[in-house]
C-alpha atoms as a PDB file:
ATOM      1  CA  MET A   1       0.000   0.000   0.000  1.00  0.00           C
ATOM      2  CA  SER A   2       1.371   3.433  -0.909  1.00  0.00           C
ATOM      3  CA  ASP A   3       1.610   6.310   1.562  1.00  0.00           C
ATOM      4  CA  THR A   4      -1.001   8.232  -0.416  1.00  0.00           C
ATOM      5  CA  ALA A   5      -3.424   5.351   0.041  1.00  0.00           C
ATOM      6  CA  LEU A   6      -3.191   5.956   3.775  1.00  0.00           C
ATOM      7  CA  GLY A   7      -4.567   9.453   3.324  1.00  0.00           C
ATOM      8  CA  PRO A   8      -2.800  12.795   2.721  1.00  0.00           C
ATOM      9  CA  ARG A   9      -2.430  13.671   6.405  1.00  0.00           C
ATOM     10  CA  ARG A  10      -0.960  10.266   7.260  1.00  0.00           C
ATOM     11  CA  ALA A  11       1.430  10.491   4.319  1.00  0.00           C
ATOM     12  CA  THR A  12       2.519  13.962   5.444  1.00  0.00           C
ATOM     13  CA  ASP A  13       3.104  12.723   9.003  1.00  0.00           C
ATOM     14  CA  ILE A  14       5.235   9.828   7.742  1.00  0.00           C
ATOM     15  CA  ALA A  15       7.272  12.126   5.504  1.00  0.00           C
ATOM     16  CA  ALA A  16       7.852  14.604   8.345  1.00  0.00           C
ATOM     17  CA  LEU A  17       8.928  11.825  10.706  1.00  0.00           C
ATOM     18  CA  ASP A  18      11.274  10.406   8.081  1.00  0.00           C
ATOM     19  CA  GLN A  19      12.894  13.828   7.658  1.00  0.00           C
ATOM     20  CA  GLU A  20      13.234  14.213  11.424  1.00  0.00           C
ATOM     21  CA  VAL A  21      14.865  10.785  11.784  1.00  0.00           C
ATOM     22  CA  THR A  22      17.265  11.528   8.918  1.00  0.00           C
ATOM     23  CA  ARG A  23      18.243  14.830  10.539  1.00  0.00           C
ATOM     24  CA  GLN A  24      18.746  13.262  13.956  1.00  0.00           C
ATOM     25  CA  LEU A  25      20.860  10.414  12.593  1.00  0.00           C
ATOM     26  CA  ALA A  26      23.104  12.892  10.782  1.00  0.00           C
ATOM     27  CA  ALA A  27      23.492  14.903  13.983  1.00  0.00           C
ATOM     28  CA  ILE A  28      24.359  11.786  15.980  1.00  0.00           C
ATOM     29  CA  GLU A  29      26.912  10.730  13.361  1.00  0.00           C
ATOM     30  CA  HIS A  30      28.586  14.150  13.593  1.00  0.00           C
ATOM     31  CA  ALA A  31      28.603  14.080  17.401  1.00  0.00           C
ATOM     32  CA  THR A  32      29.869  10.497  17.470  1.00  0.00           C
ATOM     33  CA  GLU A  33      32.807  11.359  15.225  1.00  0.00           C
ATOM     34  CA  ALA A  34      33.760  14.208  17.580  1.00  0.00           C
ATOM     35  CA  MET A  35      33.392  11.898  20.590  1.00  0.00           C
ATOM     36  CA  LEU A  36      35.525   9.110  19.113  1.00  0.00           C
ATOM     37  CA  THR A  37      38.212  11.596  18.081  1.00  0.00           C
ATOM     38  CA  THR A  38      38.322  12.978  21.614  1.00  0.00           C
ATOM     39  CA  VAL A  39      38.599   9.493  23.123  1.00  0.00           C
ATOM     40  CA  GLU A  40      41.237   8.442  20.592  1.00  0.00           C
ATOM     41  CA  ASN A  41      43.372  11.430  21.613  1.00  0.00           C
ATOM     42  CA  LEU A  42      43.505  10.201  25.209  1.00  0.00           C
ATOM     43  CA  ASP A  43      45.910   7.530  26.481  1.00  0.00           C
ATOM     44  CA  ASP A  44      46.296   5.020  29.298  1.00  0.00           C
ATOM     45  CA  LEU A  45      47.394   7.700  31.758  1.00  0.00           C
ATOM     46  CA  SER A  46      44.862  10.402  30.877  1.00  0.00           C
ATOM     47  CA  ILE A  47      41.827   8.096  31.032  1.00  0.00           C
ATOM     48  CA  ARG A  48      42.517   7.652  34.761  1.00  0.00           C
ATOM     49  CA  GLN A  49      42.234  11.389  35.360  1.00  0.00           C
ATOM     50  CA  PRO A  50      39.007  12.891  36.759  1.00  0.00           C
ATOM     51  CA  SER A  51      36.214  13.863  34.399  1.00  0.00           C
ATOM     52  CA  LEU A  52      33.829  16.755  34.996  1.00  0.00           C
ATOM     53  CA  LEU A  53      31.498  14.310  36.751  1.00  0.00           C
ATOM     54  CA  ALA A  54      32.194  13.975  40.471  1.00  0.00           C
ATOM     55  CA  GLY A  55      33.537  10.540  41.359  1.00  0.00           C
ATOM     56  CA  TRP A  56      34.010   9.433  37.740  1.00  0.00           C
ATOM     57  CA  SER A  57      37.256   9.182  35.833  1.00  0.00           C
ATOM     58  CA  ARG A  58      37.341   9.653  32.091  1.00  0.00           C
ATOM     59  CA  ALA A  59      37.295   5.858  31.812  1.00  0.00           C
ATOM     60  CA  HIS A  60      33.963   5.801  33.672  1.00  0.00           C
ATOM     61  CA  VAL A  61      32.499   8.338  31.252  1.00  0.00           C
ATOM     62  CA  ILE A  62      33.758   6.447  28.179  1.00  0.00           C
ATOM     63  CA  THR A  63      32.238   3.212  29.467  1.00  0.00           C
ATOM     64  CA  HIS A  64      28.955   4.967  30.227  1.00  0.00           C
ATOM     65  CA  LEU A  65      28.841   6.324  26.671  1.00  0.00           C
ATOM     66  CA  ALA A  66      29.281   2.794  25.319  1.00  0.00           C
ATOM     67  CA  ARG A  67      26.619   1.288  27.554  1.00  0.00           C
ATOM     68  CA  ASN A  68      24.228   4.124  26.739  1.00  0.00           C
ATOM     69  CA  ALA A  69      24.655   3.324  23.042  1.00  0.00           C
ATOM     70  CA  ASP A  70      23.739  -0.272  23.815  1.00  0.00           C
ATOM     71  CA  GLY A  71      20.809   0.949  25.932  1.00  0.00           C
ATOM     72  CA  CYS A  72      19.492   3.021  23.047  1.00  0.00           C
ATOM     73  CA  THR A  73      19.917   0.011  20.761  1.00  0.00           C
ATOM     74  CA  ASN A  74      17.744  -1.951  23.199  1.00  0.00           C
ATOM     75  CA  LEU A  75      15.040   0.686  22.799  1.00  0.00           C
ATOM     76  CA  LEU A  76      15.156   0.290  19.024  1.00  0.00           C
ATOM     77  CA  ILE A  77      14.775  -3.475  19.406  1.00  0.00           C
ATOM     78  CA  TRP A  78      11.662  -2.726  21.468  1.00  0.00           C
ATOM     79  CA  ALA A  79      10.351  -0.437  18.727  1.00  0.00           C
ATOM     80  CA  ARG A  80      11.103  -2.986  16.009  1.00  0.00           C
ATOM     81  CA  THR A  81       9.584  -6.027  17.733  1.00  0.00           C
ATOM     82  CA  GLY A  82       6.927  -4.547  20.003  1.00  0.00           C
ATOM     83  CA  ILE A  83       8.355  -6.664  22.835  1.00  0.00           C
ATOM     84  CA  GLU A  84       9.461  -4.805  25.958  1.00  0.00           C
ATOM     85  CA  HIS A  85      13.223  -4.318  25.898  1.00  0.00           C
ATOM     86  CA  PRO A  86      14.312  -1.671  28.456  1.00  0.00           C
ATOM     87  CA  MET A  87      17.466   0.416  28.105  1.00  0.00           C
ATOM     88  CA  TYR A  88      19.013  -1.305  31.111  1.00  0.00           C
ATOM     89  CA  ALA A  89      18.070  -4.430  33.040  1.00  0.00           C
ATOM     90  CA  SER A  90      18.226  -2.313  36.188  1.00  0.00           C
ATOM     91  CA  GLY A  91      19.963   0.738  37.596  1.00  0.00           C
ATOM     92  CA  ASP A  92      22.320  -1.513  39.553  1.00  0.00           C
ATOM     93  CA  ASP A  93      23.271  -3.456  36.432  1.00  0.00           C
ATOM     94  CA  ARG A  94      23.949  -0.216  34.586  1.00  0.00           C
ATOM     95  CA  ASP A  95      26.188   1.079  37.385  1.00  0.00           C
ATOM     96  CA  GLU A  96      28.036  -2.235  37.704  1.00  0.00           C
ATOM     97  CA  ALA A  97      28.725  -2.279  33.967  1.00  0.00           C
ATOM     98  CA  VAL A  98      30.272   1.187  34.191  1.00  0.00           C
ATOM     99  CA  GLU A  99      32.475   0.220  37.138  1.00  0.00           C
ATOM    100  CA  GLU A 100      33.624  -2.969  35.424  1.00  0.00           C
ATOM    101  CA  GLY A 101      34.440  -1.196  32.176  1.00  0.00           C
ATOM    102  CA  ALA A 102      36.263   1.680  33.849  1.00  0.00           C
ATOM    103  CA  VAL A 103      39.253  -0.528  34.741  1.00  0.00           C
ATOM    104  CA  ARG A 104      40.023  -1.287  31.078  1.00  0.00           C
ATOM    105  CA  GLY A 105      42.923   0.213  29.199  1.00  0.00           C
ATOM    106  CA  HIS A 106      42.577   3.007  26.658  1.00  0.00           C
ATOM    107  CA  ARG A 107      42.570   0.810  23.546  1.00  0.00           C
ATOM    108  CA  LEU A 108      39.909  -1.557  24.877  1.00  0.00           C
ATOM    109  CA  LEU A 109      37.738   1.360  25.976  1.00  0.00           C
ATOM    110  CA  LEU A 110      37.982   2.952  22.526  1.00  0.00           C
ATOM    111  CA  GLU A 111      37.201  -0.323  20.738  1.00  0.00           C
ATOM    112  CA  ASP A 112      34.242  -1.011  23.033  1.00  0.00           C
ATOM    113  CA  LEU A 113      32.845   2.475  22.473  1.00  0.00           C
ATOM    114  CA  ALA A 114      33.283   2.331  18.683  1.00  0.00           C
ATOM    115  CA  ALA A 115      31.633  -1.098  18.503  1.00  0.00           C
ATOM    116  CA  ALA A 116      28.662   0.015  20.630  1.00  0.00           C
ATOM    117  CA  CYS A 117      28.215   3.097  18.431  1.00  0.00           C
ATOM    118  CA  ASP A 118      28.309   0.929  15.299  1.00  0.00           C
ATOM    119  CA  ARG A 119      25.657  -1.395  16.743  1.00  0.00           C
ATOM    120  CA  PHE A 120      23.411   1.559  17.479  1.00  0.00           C
ATOM    121  CA  ALA A 121      23.932   3.131  14.041  1.00  0.00           C
ATOM    122  CA  THR A 122      23.217  -0.163  12.263  1.00  0.00           C
ATOM    123  CA  SER A 123      20.049  -0.732  14.286  1.00  0.00           C
ATOM    124  CA  ALA A 124      18.833   2.836  13.722  1.00  0.00           C
ATOM    125  CA  ARG A 125      19.450   2.874   9.979  1.00  0.00           C
ATOM    126  CA  SER A 126      17.694  -0.465   9.466  1.00  0.00           C
ATOM    127  CA  LEU A 127      14.644   0.329  11.602  1.00  0.00           C
ATOM    128  CA  PRO A 128      11.413   0.277   9.562  1.00  0.00           C
ATOM    129  CA  ALA A 129       9.911   3.738   9.115  1.00  0.00           C
ATOM    130  CA  ALA A 130       6.689   2.875  10.959  1.00  0.00           C
ATOM    131  CA  ALA A 131       8.620   1.662  14.000  1.00  0.00           C
ATOM    132  CA  TRP A 132       9.906   5.161  14.770  1.00  0.00           C
ATOM    133  CA  ALA A 133       6.387   6.084  15.912  1.00  0.00           C
ATOM    134  CA  ALA A 134       6.077   3.078  18.252  1.00  0.00           C
ATOM    135  CA  GLU A 135       5.597   3.779  21.949  1.00  0.00           C
ATOM    136  CA  ILE A 136       8.484   2.722  24.180  1.00  0.00           C
ATOM    137  CA  TYR A 137       9.673   3.818  27.631  1.00  0.00           C
ATOM    138  CA  ASP A 138      12.767   5.735  28.648  1.00  0.00           C
ATOM    139  CA  ALA A 139      15.178   4.732  31.424  1.00  0.00           C
ATOM    140  CA  ILE A 140      12.978   6.204  34.167  1.00  0.00           C
ATOM    141  CA  GLY A 141       9.794   4.592  32.857  1.00  0.00           C
ATOM    142  CA  ASP A 142       8.171   7.485  31.011  1.00  0.00           C
ATOM    143  CA  PRO A 143       6.469   6.702  27.664  1.00  0.00           C
ATOM    144  CA  MET A 144       7.837   8.251  24.491  1.00  0.00           C
ATOM    145  CA  PRO A 145       7.819   7.626  20.739  1.00  0.00           C
ATOM    146  CA  ALA A 146      10.793   5.608  19.540  1.00  0.00           C
ATOM    147  CA  HIS A 147      12.302   8.484  17.592  1.00  0.00           C
ATOM    148  CA  HIS A 148      12.926  10.314  20.872  1.00  0.00           C
ATOM    149  CA  ALA A 149      15.655   7.743  21.557  1.00  0.00           C
ATOM    150  CA  LEU A 150      17.682   9.668  18.988  1.00  0.00           C
ATOM    151  CA  ARG A 151      17.341  12.884  20.987  1.00  0.00           C
ATOM    152  CA  ILE A 152      18.431  11.029  24.111  1.00  0.00           C
ATOM    153  CA  ARG A 153      21.514   9.690  22.369  1.00  0.00           C
ATOM    154  CA  LEU A 154      22.510  13.057  20.912  1.00  0.00           C
ATOM    155  CA  LEU A 155      22.293  14.705  24.332  1.00  0.00           C
ATOM    156  CA  GLU A 156      24.324  11.928  25.946  1.00  0.00           C
ATOM    157  CA  VAL A 157      27.051  12.031  23.306  1.00  0.00           C
ATOM    158  CA  TRP A 158      27.622  15.780  23.346  1.00  0.00           C
ATOM    159  CA  VAL A 159      27.305  16.332  27.086  1.00  0.00           C
ATOM    160  CA  HIS A 160      29.498  13.424  28.134  1.00  0.00           C
ATOM    161  CA  THR A 161      32.101  14.193  25.484  1.00  0.00           C
ATOM    162  CA  VAL A 162      32.427  17.586  27.147  1.00  0.00           C
ATOM    163  CA  ASP A 163      32.566  15.772  30.496  1.00  0.00           C
ATOM    164  CA  LEU A 164      35.777  14.122  29.314  1.00  0.00           C
ATOM    165  CA  ASP A 165      37.341  17.584  29.723  1.00  0.00           C
ATOM    166  CA  HIS A 166      39.644  17.174  26.754  1.00  0.00           C
ATOM    167  CA  ASP A 167      39.694  19.138  23.487  1.00  0.00           C
ATOM    168  CA  LEU A 168      35.969  19.940  23.370  1.00  0.00           C
ATOM    169  CA  ASP A 169      33.704  22.371  25.241  1.00  0.00           C
ATOM    170  CA  PHE A 170      30.012  23.260  25.109  1.00  0.00           C
ATOM    171  CA  ALA A 171      30.868  26.222  22.863  1.00  0.00           C
ATOM    172  CA  ASP A 172      32.163  23.757  20.254  1.00  0.00           C
ATOM    173  CA  ILE A 173      28.772  22.087  19.816  1.00  0.00           C
ATOM    174  CA  PRO A 174      27.165  23.181  16.513  1.00  0.00           C
ATOM    175  CA  ALA A 175      24.446  25.786  17.050  1.00  0.00           C
ATOM    176  CA  ALA A 176      21.681  23.626  15.545  1.00  0.00           C
ATOM    177  CA  HIS A 177      22.575  20.761  17.879  1.00  0.00           C
ATOM    178  CA  ALA A 178      22.900  23.069  20.885  1.00  0.00           C
ATOM    179  CA  GLU A 179      19.438  24.483  20.215  1.00  0.00           C
ATOM    180  CA  GLN A 180      17.889  21.025  20.347  1.00  0.00           C
ATOM    181  CA  LEU A 181      19.855  20.125  23.470  1.00  0.00           C
ATOM    182  CA  LEU A 182      18.646  23.294  25.171  1.00  0.00           C
ATOM    183  CA  GLU A 183      15.089  22.496  24.127  1.00  0.00           C
ATOM    184  CA  ASP A 184      15.336  19.064  25.734  1.00  0.00           C
ATOM    185  CA  VAL A 185      17.040  20.297  28.898  1.00  0.00           C
ATOM    186  CA  VAL A 186      14.474  23.061  29.354  1.00  0.00           C
ATOM    187  CA  GLN A 187      11.614  20.638  28.814  1.00  0.00           C
ATOM    188  CA  PHE A 188      13.025  18.298  31.448  1.00  0.00           C
ATOM    189  CA  PHE A 189      13.571  21.106  33.949  1.00  0.00           C
ATOM    190  CA  GLY A 190      10.172  22.623  33.219  1.00  0.00           C
ATOM    191  CA  GLY A 191       8.327  19.793  34.930  1.00  0.00           C
ATOM    192  CA  ARG A 192      10.337  19.891  38.148  1.00  0.00           C
ATOM    193  CA  PRO A 193       9.009  21.797  41.182  1.00  0.00           C
ATOM    194  CA  ASP A 194      12.543  22.270  42.564  1.00  0.00           C
ATOM    195  CA  VAL A 195      13.567  24.434  39.596  1.00  0.00           C
ATOM    196  CA  PRO A 196      13.337  28.201  40.167  1.00  0.00           C
ATOM    197  CA  ALA A 197      11.283  30.287  37.773  1.00  0.00           C
ATOM    198  CA  LEU A 198      13.494  31.295  34.851  1.00  0.00           C
ATOM    199  CA  SER A 199      13.257  33.361  31.684  1.00  0.00           C
ATOM    200  CA  LEU A 200      16.036  32.391  29.275  1.00  0.00           C
ATOM    201  CA  GLU A 201      17.183  34.194  26.138  1.00  0.00           C
ATOM    202  CA  VAL A 202      19.779  32.520  23.952  1.00  0.00           C
ATOM    203  CA  ASP A 203      21.588  34.185  21.042  1.00  0.00           C
ATOM    204  CA  PHE A 204      22.316  31.682  18.263  1.00  0.00           C
ATOM    205  CA  GLY A 205      23.838  34.291  15.967  1.00  0.00           C
ATOM    206  CA  THR A 206      21.248  34.000  13.219  1.00  0.00           C
ATOM    207  CA  HIS A 207      18.319  34.180  15.646  1.00  0.00           C
ATOM    208  CA  ARG A 208      17.360  34.297  19.304  1.00  0.00           C
ATOM    209  CA  ARG A 209      15.264  31.858  21.308  1.00  0.00           C
ATOM    210  CA  ASN A 210      13.358  32.434  24.515  1.00  0.00           C
ATOM    211  CA  TRP A 211      12.297  29.820  27.036  1.00  0.00           C
ATOM    212  CA  GLU A 212      10.242  30.127  30.198  1.00  0.00           C
ATOM    213  CA  LEU A 213      10.738  27.739  33.105  1.00  0.00           C
ATOM    214  CA  ARG A 214       8.172  28.099  35.825  1.00  0.00           C
ATOM    215  CA  GLY A 215       8.939  25.359  38.306  1.00  0.00           C
ATOM    216  CA  THR A 216       7.646  27.748  40.986  1.00  0.00           C
ATOM    217  CA  THR A 217       5.197  30.638  41.091  1.00  0.00           C
ATOM    218  CA  GLU A 218       7.945  33.153  41.849  1.00  0.00           C
ATOM    219  CA  ARG A 219       8.792  36.001  39.512  1.00  0.00           C
ATOM    220  CA  PRO A 220      11.263  34.528  36.987  1.00  0.00           C
ATOM    221  CA  SER A 221      14.943  35.383  37.015  1.00  0.00           C
ATOM    222  CA  ARG A 222      16.126  36.589  33.615  1.00  0.00           C
ATOM    223  CA  VAL A 223      19.284  35.035  32.200  1.00  0.00           C
ATOM    224  CA  SER A 224      20.719  35.509  28.701  1.00  0.00           C
ATOM    225  CA  GLY A 225      23.775  34.464  26.749  1.00  0.00           C
ATOM    226  CA  GLU A 226      25.190  32.234  24.043  1.00  0.00           C
ATOM    227  CA  PRO A 227      24.157  28.582  23.682  1.00  0.00           C
ATOM    228  CA  GLY A 228      27.363  26.953  24.971  1.00  0.00           C
ATOM    229  CA  PRO A 229      27.571  28.795  28.285  1.00  0.00           C
ATOM    230  CA  MET A 230      23.808  28.512  28.779  1.00  0.00           C
ATOM    231  CA  LEU A 231      23.854  24.756  28.229  1.00  0.00           C
ATOM    232  CA  GLY A 232      26.850  24.282  30.506  1.00  0.00           C
ATOM    233  CA  TRP A 233      25.197  26.279  33.287  1.00  0.00           C
ATOM    234  CA  LEU A 234      21.828  24.522  33.047  1.00  0.00           C
ATOM    235  CA  LEU A 235      23.564  21.153  33.206  1.00  0.00           C
ATOM    236  CA  GLY A 236      25.626  22.183  36.217  1.00  0.00           C
ATOM    237  CA  ARG A 237      28.968  21.829  34.433  1.00  0.00           C
ATOM    238  CA  THR A 238      29.927  25.511  34.398  1.00  0.00           C
ATOM    239  CA  ASP A 239      29.104  28.630  36.367  1.00  0.00           C
ATOM    240  CA  ALA A 240      27.182  31.627  35.028  1.00  0.00           C
ATOM    241  CA  GLU A 241      30.150  33.971  34.525  1.00  0.00           C
ATOM    242  CA  GLU A 242      29.607  34.186  30.762  1.00  0.00           C
ATOM    243  CA  LEU A 243      25.868  34.786  31.116  1.00  0.00           C
ATOM    244  CA  ALA A 244      24.038  38.054  31.724  1.00  0.00           C
ATOM    245  CA  GLY A 245      21.358  38.522  34.338  1.00  0.00           C
ATOM    246  CA  ASP A 246      20.689  37.214  37.813  1.00  0.00           C
ATOM    247  CA  ALA A 247      21.365  33.488  37.515  1.00  0.00           C
ATOM    248  CA  PRO A 248      19.886  31.565  40.458  1.00  0.00           C
ATOM    249  CA  ASP A 249      21.193  28.336  41.922  1.00  0.00           C
ATOM    250  CA  LEU A 250      19.850  25.310  40.061  1.00  0.00           C
ATOM    251  CA  PRO A 251      19.180  21.793  41.332  1.00  0.00           C
ATOM    252  CA  GLU A 252      21.376  18.958  40.116  1.00  0.00           C
ATOM    253  CA  TRP A 253      20.614  17.980  36.522  1.00  0.00           C
ATOM    254  CA  LEU A 254      20.522  14.214  37.099  1.00  0.00           C
END
């Protein structure tokens, strides 16, 4: 049956979703190349150094990036088959896998990460178009369409590559990617009652975006700046020195 036989609106929805998936996959490929280059430029000594995440070395972060790729692949298996296939068997299993992997040497860590990324890319590019609209659940049990797994992966790749604290910063993330990451971070924060009321303005060079976070009923604090510093501050990786306005203290991202 052709798409047009499904009705013009259905055909339009399918075409729009296909374009979105294509765009997301290209973004993930770009981010993955930057991530793998950063990891390749490390060595057996530097992977033992602290990352930007408290209590985690760079080796911990690299292992987490690999296991997250496998977790996202699990979600695509769920979307393909319709059989429940969570990102991780459990939070404890996920944490244990990171600890076990973090003792590996640099070469094994790089090979593990590259292989996990290849598995995810192969699964994503072979997923039937209709499966991208299937309902699955994220790591905390919230329902979402399967194509949102791509947004999750893009956020993980860019943020944790910066967490490696080597060669790449939030300001190096392409503006189009940073805009989506900010959109996702703001959406997540927007539903939390522990987040102070915020009015954000971000200058992307070609345009500006405004977001309102009203986790409380207080008058919002106004904060503005460029996408890199804004993203780093919202995620708790950097302070607000490069931002304008009265930046309040934020709760921990995750």
